[in-house]
N, C-alpha and C. Protein backbone atom coordinates (compact mmCIF):
# COMPACT_ATOMS: atom_id res chain seq x y z
N MET A 1 87.98 0.43 117.35
CA MET A 1 89.12 -0.09 116.36
C MET A 1 90.29 -0.80 116.94
N ARG A 2 90.82 -1.78 116.90
CA ARG A 2 91.60 -2.60 117.18
C ARG A 2 93.05 -1.33 117.40
N SER A 3 93.77 -1.31 118.61
CA SER A 3 94.90 -1.10 118.61
C SER A 3 95.97 -1.67 117.48
N ASN A 4 97.07 -1.47 117.29
CA ASN A 4 98.05 -2.00 116.25
C ASN A 4 99.21 -1.68 116.93
N PHE A 5 99.21 -1.46 117.72
CA PHE A 5 100.61 -1.44 118.63
C PHE A 5 100.33 -1.19 120.26
N LEU A 6 101.75 -1.52 120.75
CA LEU A 6 101.26 -1.43 122.15
C LEU A 6 101.72 0.04 122.95
N PHE A 7 101.19 -0.19 123.84
CA PHE A 7 101.47 1.24 124.97
C PHE A 7 102.72 0.53 125.95
N GLY A 8 103.76 1.39 126.60
CA GLY A 8 104.52 0.96 127.33
C GLY A 8 105.32 2.35 127.85
N PRO A 9 106.06 1.88 128.75
CA PRO A 9 106.79 2.96 129.60
C PRO A 9 107.84 3.80 128.53
N ALA A 10 108.10 3.16 127.46
CA ALA A 10 109.31 3.59 126.80
C ALA A 10 108.82 4.80 125.85
N LEU A 11 107.18 4.81 126.13
CA LEU A 11 106.76 6.10 125.43
C LEU A 11 107.13 7.41 126.00
N ILE A 12 107.00 7.22 127.44
CA ILE A 12 107.15 8.51 128.53
C ILE A 12 108.72 8.87 127.90
N PHE A 13 109.74 8.03 127.82
CA PHE A 13 110.95 8.68 127.91
C PHE A 13 111.33 9.47 126.59
N LEU A 14 110.39 8.81 125.67
CA LEU A 14 110.51 9.84 124.36
C LEU A 14 109.78 11.22 124.52
N VAL A 15 108.54 11.36 125.30
CA VAL A 15 107.72 12.26 125.47
C VAL A 15 108.97 13.61 125.75
N ILE A 16 109.67 13.43 126.50
CA ILE A 16 110.34 14.27 127.27
C ILE A 16 112.18 14.86 126.73
N MET A 17 112.11 14.11 125.30
CA MET A 17 113.63 14.11 124.40
C MET A 17 113.60 15.44 123.84
N THR A 18 114.81 16.31 123.58
CA THR A 18 114.77 17.19 122.82
C THR A 18 114.71 16.59 121.54
N GLY A 19 115.09 17.56 120.89
CA GLY A 19 114.82 17.35 119.10
C GLY A 19 116.33 17.05 118.90
N CYS A 20 117.20 16.19 119.39
CA CYS A 20 118.48 16.24 118.95
C CYS A 20 118.35 14.54 117.61
N ALA A 21 119.05 14.85 116.92
CA ALA A 21 118.83 13.49 115.87
C ALA A 21 119.24 12.40 116.36
N PRO A 22 118.15 11.43 115.99
CA PRO A 22 118.14 10.19 116.61
C PRO A 22 119.57 9.19 116.12
N GLU A 23 120.04 8.20 116.12
CA GLU A 23 120.69 7.61 115.24
C GLU A 23 119.91 6.70 114.44
N ILE A 24 120.78 6.96 112.90
CA ILE A 24 119.81 6.83 112.03
C ILE A 24 121.04 5.53 110.86
N ILE A 25 120.50 4.86 110.39
CA ILE A 25 121.72 3.73 109.95
C ILE A 25 121.64 3.82 108.26
N ASP A 26 122.39 4.19 107.47
CA ASP A 26 122.14 4.60 106.15
C ASP A 26 122.12 2.87 105.37
N LYS A 27 121.21 2.59 104.73
CA LYS A 27 121.07 1.19 104.34
C LYS A 27 120.18 1.32 102.75
N PRO A 28 121.14 1.97 101.61
CA PRO A 28 120.50 2.37 100.45
C PRO A 28 119.60 1.39 99.79
N ILE A 29 118.79 1.72 99.06
CA ILE A 29 118.10 0.78 97.94
C ILE A 29 118.73 1.58 96.65
N THR A 30 118.69 0.60 95.86
CA THR A 30 119.06 0.60 94.79
C THR A 30 118.77 1.91 93.72
N PHE A 31 119.74 2.97 93.80
CA PHE A 31 119.51 4.40 93.11
C PHE A 31 120.41 4.54 91.75
N ASP A 32 119.96 3.73 90.81
CA ASP A 32 120.79 3.87 89.83
C ASP A 32 120.19 4.63 88.80
N GLN A 33 120.67 5.00 87.22
CA GLN A 33 120.05 5.61 86.52
C GLN A 33 118.68 5.33 86.03
N GLU A 34 118.15 4.43 85.93
CA GLU A 34 116.79 3.40 86.05
C GLU A 34 116.00 4.29 86.81
N ARG A 35 116.67 4.42 88.23
CA ARG A 35 115.40 5.00 88.95
C ARG A 35 115.19 6.35 88.91
N LEU A 36 116.33 6.90 88.70
CA LEU A 36 116.36 8.37 88.58
C LEU A 36 115.39 8.99 87.67
N GLU A 37 115.53 8.02 86.11
CA GLU A 37 114.77 8.36 85.03
C GLU A 37 113.36 8.25 85.55
N LEU A 38 112.84 6.69 85.95
CA LEU A 38 111.50 6.38 86.35
C LEU A 38 110.93 7.63 87.48
N SER A 39 111.90 7.76 88.31
CA SER A 39 111.33 9.21 89.16
C SER A 39 111.13 10.50 88.61
N ARG A 40 111.98 10.73 87.48
CA ARG A 40 111.36 12.06 86.82
C ARG A 40 110.25 12.01 86.14
N HIS A 41 110.19 10.98 85.18
CA HIS A 41 108.76 10.49 84.70
C HIS A 41 107.79 10.84 85.72
N TYR A 42 107.97 10.55 86.91
CA TYR A 42 106.81 9.88 87.73
C TYR A 42 106.54 11.52 88.14
N LEU A 43 107.10 12.17 88.30
CA LEU A 43 107.10 13.74 88.55
C LEU A 43 106.43 14.45 87.70
N LYS A 44 106.75 14.02 86.26
CA LYS A 44 106.32 14.69 85.28
C LYS A 44 104.80 13.92 84.93
N ASP A 45 104.51 13.22 84.64
CA ASP A 45 103.07 12.16 84.60
C ASP A 45 102.33 12.35 85.58
N ARG A 46 102.77 12.41 86.82
CA ARG A 46 101.06 12.46 87.72
C ARG A 46 101.28 13.59 88.54
N TYR A 47 101.92 14.81 88.14
CA TYR A 47 102.27 15.89 89.00
C TYR A 47 102.31 17.42 87.67
N GLY A 48 102.73 17.07 86.52
CA GLY A 48 102.97 17.87 85.75
C GLY A 48 104.54 18.84 86.31
N ILE A 49 105.24 17.81 86.80
CA ILE A 49 106.43 19.25 87.31
C ILE A 49 107.71 18.09 86.50
N GLU A 50 108.38 19.25 85.88
CA GLU A 50 109.53 18.61 85.01
C GLU A 50 110.68 19.11 85.64
N LYS A 51 112.13 18.32 86.14
CA LYS A 51 112.85 18.73 86.72
C LYS A 51 114.33 17.69 86.34
N GLY A 52 115.24 18.24 86.10
CA GLY A 52 116.41 17.60 85.50
C GLY A 52 116.53 16.47 86.85
N GLU A 53 116.52 16.70 88.05
CA GLU A 53 116.67 15.98 89.04
C GLU A 53 115.54 15.50 89.69
N PRO A 54 115.33 14.58 90.63
CA PRO A 54 113.75 14.40 91.08
C PRO A 54 113.70 14.67 92.69
N VAL A 55 114.11 16.15 92.87
CA VAL A 55 114.32 16.76 94.19
C VAL A 55 113.14 17.04 94.56
N ILE A 56 112.73 17.14 95.91
CA ILE A 56 111.66 17.41 96.32
C ILE A 56 112.15 18.54 97.47
N GLU A 57 111.17 19.31 98.16
CA GLU A 57 111.49 20.58 99.18
C GLU A 57 110.38 19.78 100.18
N PRO A 58 110.92 19.39 100.95
CA PRO A 58 109.74 18.43 101.94
C PRO A 58 108.88 19.44 103.15
N LYS A 59 107.91 19.17 102.61
CA LYS A 59 106.81 20.17 103.57
C LYS A 59 105.62 18.69 104.23
N MET A 60 105.93 17.39 104.40
CA MET A 60 105.02 17.10 105.00
C MET A 60 105.93 15.33 105.36
N VAL A 61 105.46 14.92 106.26
CA VAL A 61 106.38 13.35 106.74
C VAL A 61 104.73 12.35 106.69
N VAL A 62 104.67 11.29 106.19
CA VAL A 62 104.04 10.67 106.34
C VAL A 62 104.58 9.01 106.44
N LEU A 63 103.49 8.44 107.77
CA LEU A 63 104.05 7.65 108.28
C LEU A 63 103.38 6.15 107.64
N HIS A 64 103.87 5.00 107.69
CA HIS A 64 103.05 3.91 106.48
C HIS A 64 103.46 2.36 108.00
N TRP A 65 102.79 1.67 107.23
CA TRP A 65 103.64 0.32 107.73
C TRP A 65 103.33 -0.52 106.52
N THR A 66 104.51 -1.64 107.09
CA THR A 66 104.84 -2.11 105.49
C THR A 66 104.01 -3.84 105.19
N GLU A 67 103.16 -4.07 106.27
CA GLU A 67 102.45 -5.09 106.02
C GLU A 67 103.31 -6.34 106.06
N ILE A 68 105.22 -6.36 106.08
CA ILE A 68 105.68 -7.59 105.72
C ILE A 68 106.36 -7.78 107.54
N PRO A 69 106.66 -8.90 107.46
CA PRO A 69 107.02 -8.97 109.19
C PRO A 69 108.22 -8.96 109.43
N ASP A 70 109.22 -8.90 108.53
CA ASP A 70 110.37 -8.46 108.99
C ASP A 70 111.24 -7.63 108.16
N LEU A 71 112.13 -6.95 108.90
CA LEU A 71 113.23 -6.28 107.64
C LEU A 71 113.89 -6.39 106.68
N ALA A 72 114.09 -7.73 106.38
CA ALA A 72 114.86 -8.11 105.19
C ALA A 72 113.82 -8.06 103.95
N GLY A 73 112.47 -8.73 104.13
CA GLY A 73 111.45 -8.60 103.59
C GLY A 73 110.75 -7.36 102.64
N SER A 74 110.88 -6.49 104.04
CA SER A 74 110.44 -4.95 104.03
C SER A 74 111.24 -4.27 102.88
N PHE A 75 112.98 -4.51 103.33
CA PHE A 75 113.83 -4.01 102.38
C PHE A 75 113.66 -4.45 101.16
N LYS A 76 113.27 -5.58 100.80
CA LYS A 76 113.59 -6.27 99.75
C LYS A 76 112.02 -5.59 98.64
N ALA A 77 111.42 -5.17 99.24
CA ALA A 77 110.23 -4.93 98.69
C ALA A 77 110.59 -3.37 97.83
N PHE A 78 111.28 -2.83 98.29
CA PHE A 78 111.88 -1.44 98.04
C PHE A 78 113.45 -1.22 97.04
N LYS A 79 113.71 -2.45 97.46
CA LYS A 79 114.99 -2.39 96.82
C LYS A 79 114.84 -1.92 95.38
N ASP A 80 114.50 -2.63 94.53
CA ASP A 80 114.52 -2.55 93.07
C ASP A 80 114.15 -1.38 92.51
N SER A 81 114.70 -0.83 91.61
CA SER A 81 114.10 0.26 90.65
C SER A 81 112.73 0.65 90.36
N ARG A 82 112.54 -0.77 89.69
CA ARG A 82 111.25 -1.00 88.90
C ARG A 82 110.13 -1.85 89.55
N LEU A 83 108.79 -1.34 89.37
CA LEU A 83 107.97 -1.69 90.46
C LEU A 83 107.62 -3.67 89.89
N PRO A 84 107.47 -4.63 90.92
CA PRO A 84 107.21 -5.80 90.52
C PRO A 84 106.20 -6.13 89.73
N ASN A 85 105.58 -7.20 89.14
CA ASN A 85 104.37 -7.59 88.65
C ASN A 85 103.53 -7.83 89.60
N SER A 86 103.80 -7.90 90.72
CA SER A 86 102.65 -8.32 92.03
C SER A 86 101.73 -7.11 92.22
N ARG A 87 102.02 -5.90 91.74
CA ARG A 87 101.63 -4.67 92.10
C ARG A 87 100.60 -4.17 91.00
N PRO A 88 99.91 -4.97 90.50
CA PRO A 88 98.90 -4.48 89.24
C PRO A 88 98.20 -3.09 89.35
N GLU A 89 97.75 -3.02 90.85
CA GLU A 89 96.59 -1.98 91.53
C GLU A 89 97.53 -0.89 91.29
N ILE A 90 98.76 -0.64 90.82
CA ILE A 90 99.25 0.79 90.52
C ILE A 90 100.29 0.76 89.67
N ALA A 91 100.57 -0.41 88.99
CA ALA A 91 101.45 -0.23 87.94
C ALA A 91 100.63 0.55 86.69
N GLY A 92 99.48 0.92 86.85
CA GLY A 92 98.81 1.87 85.49
C GLY A 92 99.76 3.14 86.02
N ALA A 93 99.84 3.53 87.19
CA ALA A 93 100.58 5.06 87.52
C ALA A 93 102.03 5.02 87.02
N GLY A 94 102.42 4.17 86.70
CA GLY A 94 104.01 4.10 86.23
C GLY A 94 104.83 3.16 87.04
N ALA A 95 105.72 2.74 86.54
CA ALA A 95 106.83 1.44 86.27
C ALA A 95 107.63 1.75 87.58
N LEU A 96 107.88 3.15 88.10
CA LEU A 96 108.77 3.16 89.54
C LEU A 96 108.42 2.52 90.69
N ASN A 97 108.93 1.67 91.32
CA ASN A 97 108.82 0.91 92.70
C ASN A 97 108.42 1.93 93.73
N VAL A 98 107.74 1.32 94.54
CA VAL A 98 107.33 2.04 95.50
C VAL A 98 108.61 1.91 96.38
N SER A 99 109.03 3.08 97.25
CA SER A 99 109.83 2.80 98.33
C SER A 99 109.52 3.85 99.43
N ALA A 100 110.40 4.58 100.50
CA ALA A 100 110.43 5.36 101.12
C ALA A 100 111.99 5.87 101.45
N HIS A 101 111.78 6.86 102.54
CA HIS A 101 113.11 7.54 102.60
C HIS A 101 113.62 6.83 103.94
N PHE A 102 112.68 6.22 104.78
CA PHE A 102 113.09 5.85 106.05
C PHE A 102 112.56 4.28 106.24
N LEU A 103 113.44 3.41 106.79
CA LEU A 103 112.36 2.12 107.26
C LEU A 103 112.72 1.71 108.46
N VAL A 104 111.89 1.73 109.88
CA VAL A 104 112.13 1.59 110.88
C VAL A 104 111.50 -0.12 111.54
N ASP A 105 112.72 -1.06 111.87
CA ASP A 105 112.62 -2.21 112.47
C ASP A 105 111.75 -2.08 113.48
N ARG A 106 111.57 -3.34 113.62
CA ARG A 106 110.57 -3.68 114.74
C ARG A 106 111.33 -3.20 116.47
N ASP A 107 112.42 -3.47 116.38
CA ASP A 107 112.76 -2.86 117.58
C ASP A 107 113.13 -1.48 117.57
N GLY A 108 113.11 -0.76 116.76
CA GLY A 108 113.28 0.61 116.84
C GLY A 108 114.20 1.39 115.95
N THR A 109 115.27 0.51 115.67
CA THR A 109 116.36 1.20 114.64
C THR A 109 115.90 1.80 113.27
N ILE A 110 116.37 2.82 113.35
CA ILE A 110 116.09 3.68 112.04
C ILE A 110 116.85 3.71 110.88
N TYR A 111 116.44 2.84 109.56
CA TYR A 111 117.20 2.70 108.62
C TYR A 111 117.08 4.02 107.41
N ARG A 112 118.06 4.61 106.85
CA ARG A 112 117.65 5.65 106.09
C ARG A 112 117.95 4.73 104.70
N LEU A 113 116.76 4.89 103.80
CA LEU A 113 116.96 4.19 102.27
C LEU A 113 117.20 5.01 101.12
N MET A 114 117.08 6.17 101.47
CA MET A 114 117.38 7.01 100.32
C MET A 114 117.48 8.39 100.65
N PRO A 115 117.88 9.57 99.73
CA PRO A 115 118.17 10.82 100.39
C PRO A 115 116.53 11.38 100.52
N GLU A 116 116.87 12.27 101.79
CA GLU A 116 115.52 12.70 102.05
C GLU A 116 115.00 13.74 100.93
N THR A 117 115.71 14.54 100.34
CA THR A 117 115.36 15.65 99.43
C THR A 117 115.28 14.80 97.73
N ILE A 118 115.08 13.35 97.80
CA ILE A 118 115.02 12.83 96.39
C ILE A 118 113.52 12.38 96.44
N MET A 119 112.47 12.51 95.83
CA MET A 119 111.37 11.77 95.71
C MET A 119 111.37 10.24 95.68
N ALA A 120 110.25 9.76 96.82
CA ALA A 120 110.25 8.37 96.80
C ALA A 120 108.89 8.20 96.53
N ARG A 121 107.97 7.39 95.98
CA ARG A 121 106.75 6.68 95.68
C ARG A 121 106.10 5.82 96.71
N HIS A 122 105.43 7.01 97.70
CA HIS A 122 104.92 6.14 98.96
C HIS A 122 103.46 6.81 99.34
N VAL A 123 103.18 7.83 98.34
CA VAL A 123 101.82 8.34 98.68
C VAL A 123 101.41 8.70 97.55
N ILE A 124 99.78 8.33 96.99
CA ILE A 124 99.70 8.96 95.85
C ILE A 124 99.14 10.81 96.24
N GLY A 125 99.30 11.36 95.13
CA GLY A 125 99.06 12.75 95.34
C GLY A 125 100.12 14.10 96.02
N LEU A 126 100.99 13.31 96.61
CA LEU A 126 101.79 13.96 97.57
C LEU A 126 103.08 13.47 97.54
N ASN A 127 103.89 12.75 97.01
CA ASN A 127 105.11 12.45 96.68
C ASN A 127 106.15 13.38 96.43
N HIS A 128 105.55 14.53 95.89
CA HIS A 128 106.43 15.51 95.55
C HIS A 128 107.24 16.44 96.74
N CYS A 129 106.24 16.22 97.82
CA CYS A 129 106.48 17.16 98.80
C CYS A 129 106.49 16.35 100.27
N ALA A 130 106.84 14.92 100.16
CA ALA A 130 106.41 14.46 101.56
C ALA A 130 107.88 13.31 101.59
N ILE A 131 107.96 13.59 102.64
CA ILE A 131 109.18 12.16 103.35
C ILE A 131 108.33 10.81 103.57
N GLY A 132 108.91 10.03 103.23
CA GLY A 132 108.15 8.34 103.80
C GLY A 132 108.91 7.94 104.92
N VAL A 133 107.85 7.33 106.03
CA VAL A 133 108.37 6.36 106.98
C VAL A 133 107.76 5.50 106.67
N GLU A 134 108.47 4.17 106.58
CA GLU A 134 107.90 3.01 106.53
C GLU A 134 107.98 2.16 107.87
N ASN A 135 107.26 1.30 108.49
CA ASN A 135 107.61 0.46 109.66
C ASN A 135 107.51 -0.74 109.44
N VAL A 136 108.63 -1.41 109.71
CA VAL A 136 107.95 -2.97 109.69
C VAL A 136 107.06 -3.80 110.22
N GLY A 137 106.26 -4.62 109.42
CA GLY A 137 105.05 -5.18 110.53
C GLY A 137 103.92 -4.32 109.92
N GLY A 138 102.90 -4.76 111.02
CA GLY A 138 101.59 -4.04 110.98
C GLY A 138 100.30 -4.92 110.63
N THR A 139 100.53 -6.44 110.83
CA THR A 139 99.70 -7.05 110.70
C THR A 139 99.34 -7.39 111.98
N ALA A 140 98.26 -8.36 112.14
CA ALA A 140 97.68 -9.06 113.09
C ALA A 140 98.56 -9.68 114.05
N ASP A 141 99.74 -10.25 113.33
CA ASP A 141 100.48 -11.17 114.18
C ASP A 141 102.33 -10.34 114.06
N THR A 142 101.98 -9.19 113.84
CA THR A 142 103.06 -7.99 113.76
C THR A 142 102.65 -6.91 114.13
N PRO A 143 102.06 -6.40 115.08
CA PRO A 143 101.62 -4.80 115.36
C PRO A 143 102.98 -4.55 115.47
N LEU A 144 102.55 -2.77 115.34
CA LEU A 144 103.72 -1.97 115.52
C LEU A 144 103.83 -1.59 117.08
N THR A 145 105.30 -1.64 117.30
CA THR A 145 106.03 -1.79 118.71
C THR A 145 105.97 -0.32 119.72
N ASP A 146 105.97 -0.52 120.76
CA ASP A 146 106.80 0.89 121.32
C ASP A 146 107.82 1.35 120.94
N ALA A 147 108.69 0.56 120.61
CA ALA A 147 110.11 1.06 120.19
C ALA A 147 109.80 2.02 118.88
N GLN A 148 109.03 1.02 117.77
CA GLN A 148 108.86 1.90 116.75
C GLN A 148 108.00 3.29 116.63
N LEU A 149 107.10 3.12 117.90
CA LEU A 149 106.13 4.42 118.09
C LEU A 149 107.26 5.39 118.49
N ASN A 150 108.38 5.19 119.38
CA ASN A 150 109.32 6.06 120.11
C ASN A 150 110.39 6.16 118.74
N ALA A 151 110.63 5.38 117.45
CA ALA A 151 111.79 6.18 116.69
C ALA A 151 111.05 6.83 115.77
N ASN A 152 109.50 6.59 115.59
CA ASN A 152 108.75 7.58 114.62
C ASN A 152 109.13 9.18 115.22
N ILE A 153 108.68 8.91 116.63
CA ILE A 153 108.48 10.59 117.47
C ILE A 153 109.78 10.95 117.42
N ALA A 154 110.87 10.14 117.43
CA ALA A 154 112.27 10.82 117.42
C ALA A 154 112.65 11.16 115.89
N LEU A 155 112.21 10.34 114.97
CA LEU A 155 112.50 10.97 113.46
C LEU A 155 111.53 11.97 113.23
N VAL A 156 110.56 11.97 113.45
CA VAL A 156 110.01 13.15 113.06
C VAL A 156 110.05 14.49 113.64
N ARG A 157 110.32 14.46 115.16
CA ARG A 157 111.25 15.69 115.68
C ARG A 157 111.94 15.97 115.13
N TYR A 158 113.17 15.41 114.41
CA TYR A 158 114.17 15.49 113.96
C TYR A 158 114.03 16.05 112.37
N LEU A 159 113.00 15.84 112.07
CA LEU A 159 112.94 16.04 110.54
C LEU A 159 112.10 17.78 110.35
N ARG A 160 111.55 17.49 111.66
CA ARG A 160 110.66 18.87 111.72
C ARG A 160 111.60 20.01 111.95
N SER A 161 113.03 19.44 112.76
CA SER A 161 113.82 20.49 113.07
C SER A 161 114.62 21.10 111.77
N LYS A 162 114.91 20.01 110.70
CA LYS A 162 115.35 20.22 109.47
C LYS A 162 115.13 20.86 108.28
N TYR A 163 113.76 20.75 108.00
CA TYR A 163 113.09 21.20 106.97
C TYR A 163 111.69 21.54 107.61
N ALA A 164 110.94 22.63 106.73
CA ALA A 164 110.00 23.40 106.74
C ALA A 164 108.71 22.24 106.94
N ILE A 165 108.72 21.45 107.81
CA ILE A 165 107.38 20.38 107.67
C ILE A 165 105.95 21.10 108.36
N ASP A 166 104.92 21.19 107.26
CA ASP A 166 103.73 21.70 107.57
C ASP A 166 102.78 20.65 107.96
N HIS A 167 103.10 19.44 107.57
CA HIS A 167 102.42 18.07 108.09
C HIS A 167 102.52 16.98 108.41
N VAL A 168 101.99 16.18 109.40
CA VAL A 168 102.61 14.92 110.07
C VAL A 168 101.50 14.15 109.82
N ILE A 169 100.98 13.18 108.77
CA ILE A 169 100.07 12.58 108.62
C ILE A 169 100.55 10.89 108.63
N GLY A 170 99.41 10.15 108.59
CA GLY A 170 99.42 8.68 108.48
C GLY A 170 98.96 8.38 106.99
N HIS A 171 99.40 7.57 106.51
CA HIS A 171 98.96 7.04 105.00
C HIS A 171 97.48 6.97 104.97
N HIS A 172 96.91 6.61 105.87
CA HIS A 172 95.57 6.15 105.89
C HIS A 172 94.78 7.56 105.66
N GLU A 173 95.56 9.08 106.16
CA GLU A 173 94.84 10.27 105.91
C GLU A 173 95.09 11.07 104.59
N TYR A 174 95.92 10.31 103.54
CA TYR A 174 96.51 10.93 102.64
C TYR A 174 94.97 11.54 101.72
N ARG A 175 94.04 10.69 101.72
CA ARG A 175 92.92 11.47 101.00
C ARG A 175 92.46 12.78 101.59
N ASN A 176 92.67 12.87 102.49
CA ASN A 176 91.90 14.43 103.20
C ASN A 176 92.58 15.25 102.31
N PHE A 177 93.88 15.13 101.55
CA PHE A 177 94.60 16.38 100.99
C PHE A 177 93.74 16.57 99.48
N GLU A 178 93.07 15.90 99.24
CA GLU A 178 92.31 16.15 97.88
C GLU A 178 91.62 17.63 98.00
N GLY A 179 92.17 18.35 97.24
CA GLY A 179 91.27 19.55 97.16
C GLY A 179 92.64 20.51 97.64
N HIS A 180 93.72 20.00 98.46
CA HIS A 180 94.40 20.91 99.06
C HIS A 180 95.48 21.44 98.05
N PRO A 181 96.15 22.78 98.35
CA PRO A 181 97.47 22.73 97.18
C PRO A 181 98.49 21.98 97.09
N LEU A 182 98.69 21.42 97.83
CA LEU A 182 99.47 20.37 98.21
C LEU A 182 99.68 19.06 97.10
N TRP A 183 98.16 18.46 96.95
CA TRP A 183 97.90 17.43 96.23
C TRP A 183 97.55 17.97 94.32
N LEU A 184 98.43 17.20 93.95
CA LEU A 184 99.07 17.52 92.61
C LEU A 184 98.65 16.39 91.45
N GLU A 185 98.03 15.00 92.06
CA GLU A 185 97.40 14.19 91.27
C GLU A 185 96.62 14.26 90.27
N LYS A 186 96.92 14.23 89.21
CA LYS A 186 96.06 14.07 87.69
C LYS A 186 94.86 13.21 87.76
N ASP A 187 95.16 12.41 87.90
CA ASP A 187 94.07 11.12 87.67
C ASP A 187 93.03 10.98 88.72
N SER A 188 92.14 11.56 88.61
CA SER A 188 90.77 11.32 89.89
C SER A 188 90.51 9.83 90.01
N ALA A 189 90.67 8.96 89.56
CA ALA A 189 90.60 7.93 89.50
C ALA A 189 91.73 7.16 90.16
N TYR A 190 92.94 7.38 90.76
CA TYR A 190 93.81 6.93 90.99
C TYR A 190 94.19 7.30 92.36
N ARG A 191 93.12 6.11 93.16
CA ARG A 191 93.02 5.94 94.45
C ARG A 191 93.32 4.67 95.50
N THR A 192 94.05 4.52 95.90
CA THR A 192 93.96 3.54 97.00
C THR A 192 93.26 3.49 98.25
N VAL A 193 92.37 2.44 99.01
CA VAL A 193 92.38 2.20 100.23
C VAL A 193 93.28 2.04 101.49
N LYS A 194 93.53 2.71 102.06
CA LYS A 194 94.83 2.44 103.20
C LYS A 194 94.80 2.31 104.80
N SER A 195 95.33 1.54 105.43
CA SER A 195 94.62 1.69 106.74
C SER A 195 95.84 1.93 107.93
N ASP A 196 96.93 2.41 107.08
CA ASP A 196 98.18 2.14 107.79
C ASP A 196 98.61 3.86 108.29
N PRO A 197 99.02 3.75 109.24
CA PRO A 197 99.53 3.16 110.45
C PRO A 197 98.24 3.24 111.75
N GLY A 198 97.07 3.78 111.22
CA GLY A 198 96.17 3.65 112.02
C GLY A 198 96.14 4.69 112.75
N ASP A 199 94.49 5.39 113.49
CA ASP A 199 94.45 6.58 114.45
C ASP A 199 95.06 6.44 115.75
N ASP A 200 95.37 5.22 116.50
CA ASP A 200 95.73 5.52 117.57
C ASP A 200 97.41 5.77 117.37
N PHE A 201 98.22 5.14 116.69
CA PHE A 201 99.26 5.25 116.01
C PHE A 201 99.70 7.09 116.06
N MET A 202 99.00 7.07 115.61
CA MET A 202 99.24 8.98 114.95
C MET A 202 98.64 9.72 116.09
N LYS A 203 97.65 9.32 116.73
CA LYS A 203 97.48 10.28 118.12
C LYS A 203 98.47 10.07 119.26
N ALA A 204 99.15 9.48 119.05
CA ALA A 204 99.90 8.71 119.79
C ALA A 204 101.41 9.89 119.34
N VAL A 205 101.40 9.69 118.34
CA VAL A 205 102.84 10.43 117.52
C VAL A 205 102.47 12.18 118.13
N ARG A 206 101.51 12.29 117.55
CA ARG A 206 100.95 13.89 117.53
C ARG A 206 101.13 14.46 119.02
N LYS A 207 100.72 13.33 119.98
CA LYS A 207 100.29 13.95 121.65
C LYS A 207 102.03 14.09 121.93
N ALA A 208 103.03 13.00 121.43
CA ALA A 208 104.27 13.28 122.02
C ALA A 208 104.79 14.59 121.75
N LEU A 209 104.40 14.92 120.30
CA LEU A 209 105.08 15.95 119.48
C LEU A 209 104.48 17.35 119.91
N ALA A 210 103.51 17.35 120.14
CA ALA A 210 102.36 18.65 120.77
C ALA A 210 101.86 18.89 119.45
N ILE A 211 101.67 18.24 118.53
CA ILE A 211 100.99 19.07 117.17
C ILE A 211 99.68 18.56 117.08
N ALA A 212 98.95 19.50 116.54
CA ALA A 212 97.09 19.11 115.92
C ALA A 212 97.04 18.32 114.84
N GLU A 213 96.13 17.64 114.68
CA GLU A 213 96.16 16.75 113.59
C GLU A 213 95.73 18.00 112.32
N PRO A 214 95.96 17.90 111.06
CA PRO A 214 96.29 18.65 110.10
C PRO A 214 94.67 19.35 110.06
N GLU A 215 94.67 20.67 109.69
CA GLU A 215 93.30 21.10 108.99
C GLU A 215 93.45 21.56 107.77
N ILE A 216 92.42 20.75 107.27
CA ILE A 216 92.31 20.77 105.53
C ILE A 216 91.21 21.50 105.48
N PRO A 217 91.20 22.30 104.29
CA PRO A 217 90.26 23.32 104.06
C PRO A 217 89.18 22.31 102.92
């Protein structure tokens, strides 16, 4: 399988860094009353969780790519509260728009789109406990970069120091958690096929952080 990002000397620098927080720029998506209500309904309808606020206790970090070549387009995809009509394959599972907690640009700049302890819709079955990190690009013409890899490593290291994170996975690995206690999706037919961010990217992240692939019962 073709590697979808580049290896370079910058990776070595990140491997030896400590757990200090990376620079994070706040770039909030729309988080109005409509999004709050849609998030609450999503938690109830998909997972059977009823809460006054759509808060989560992070136990997992899920890494993604946007398949959109630039920051502006990627941010636009997440900004609005309601899912656009262009996503019919997931519209049946709720009107809440997709989003993530963080968005990493191709130069490695990390943007925080929303609070880490509020639910974002980014991974089937696991949104109730997962922090999502999206990376700009991921197409044949815009493979993920060394700068993005380094930024993901630094960000995950920081999040693991801040929360009780048990698992770090790629979006393409999410179905491995079916049957796991964290898996709460009610609809056995609601699944999508994902390839992001790929095995090579995840192997590099896990190697730098000295963590093993998750053991799923």
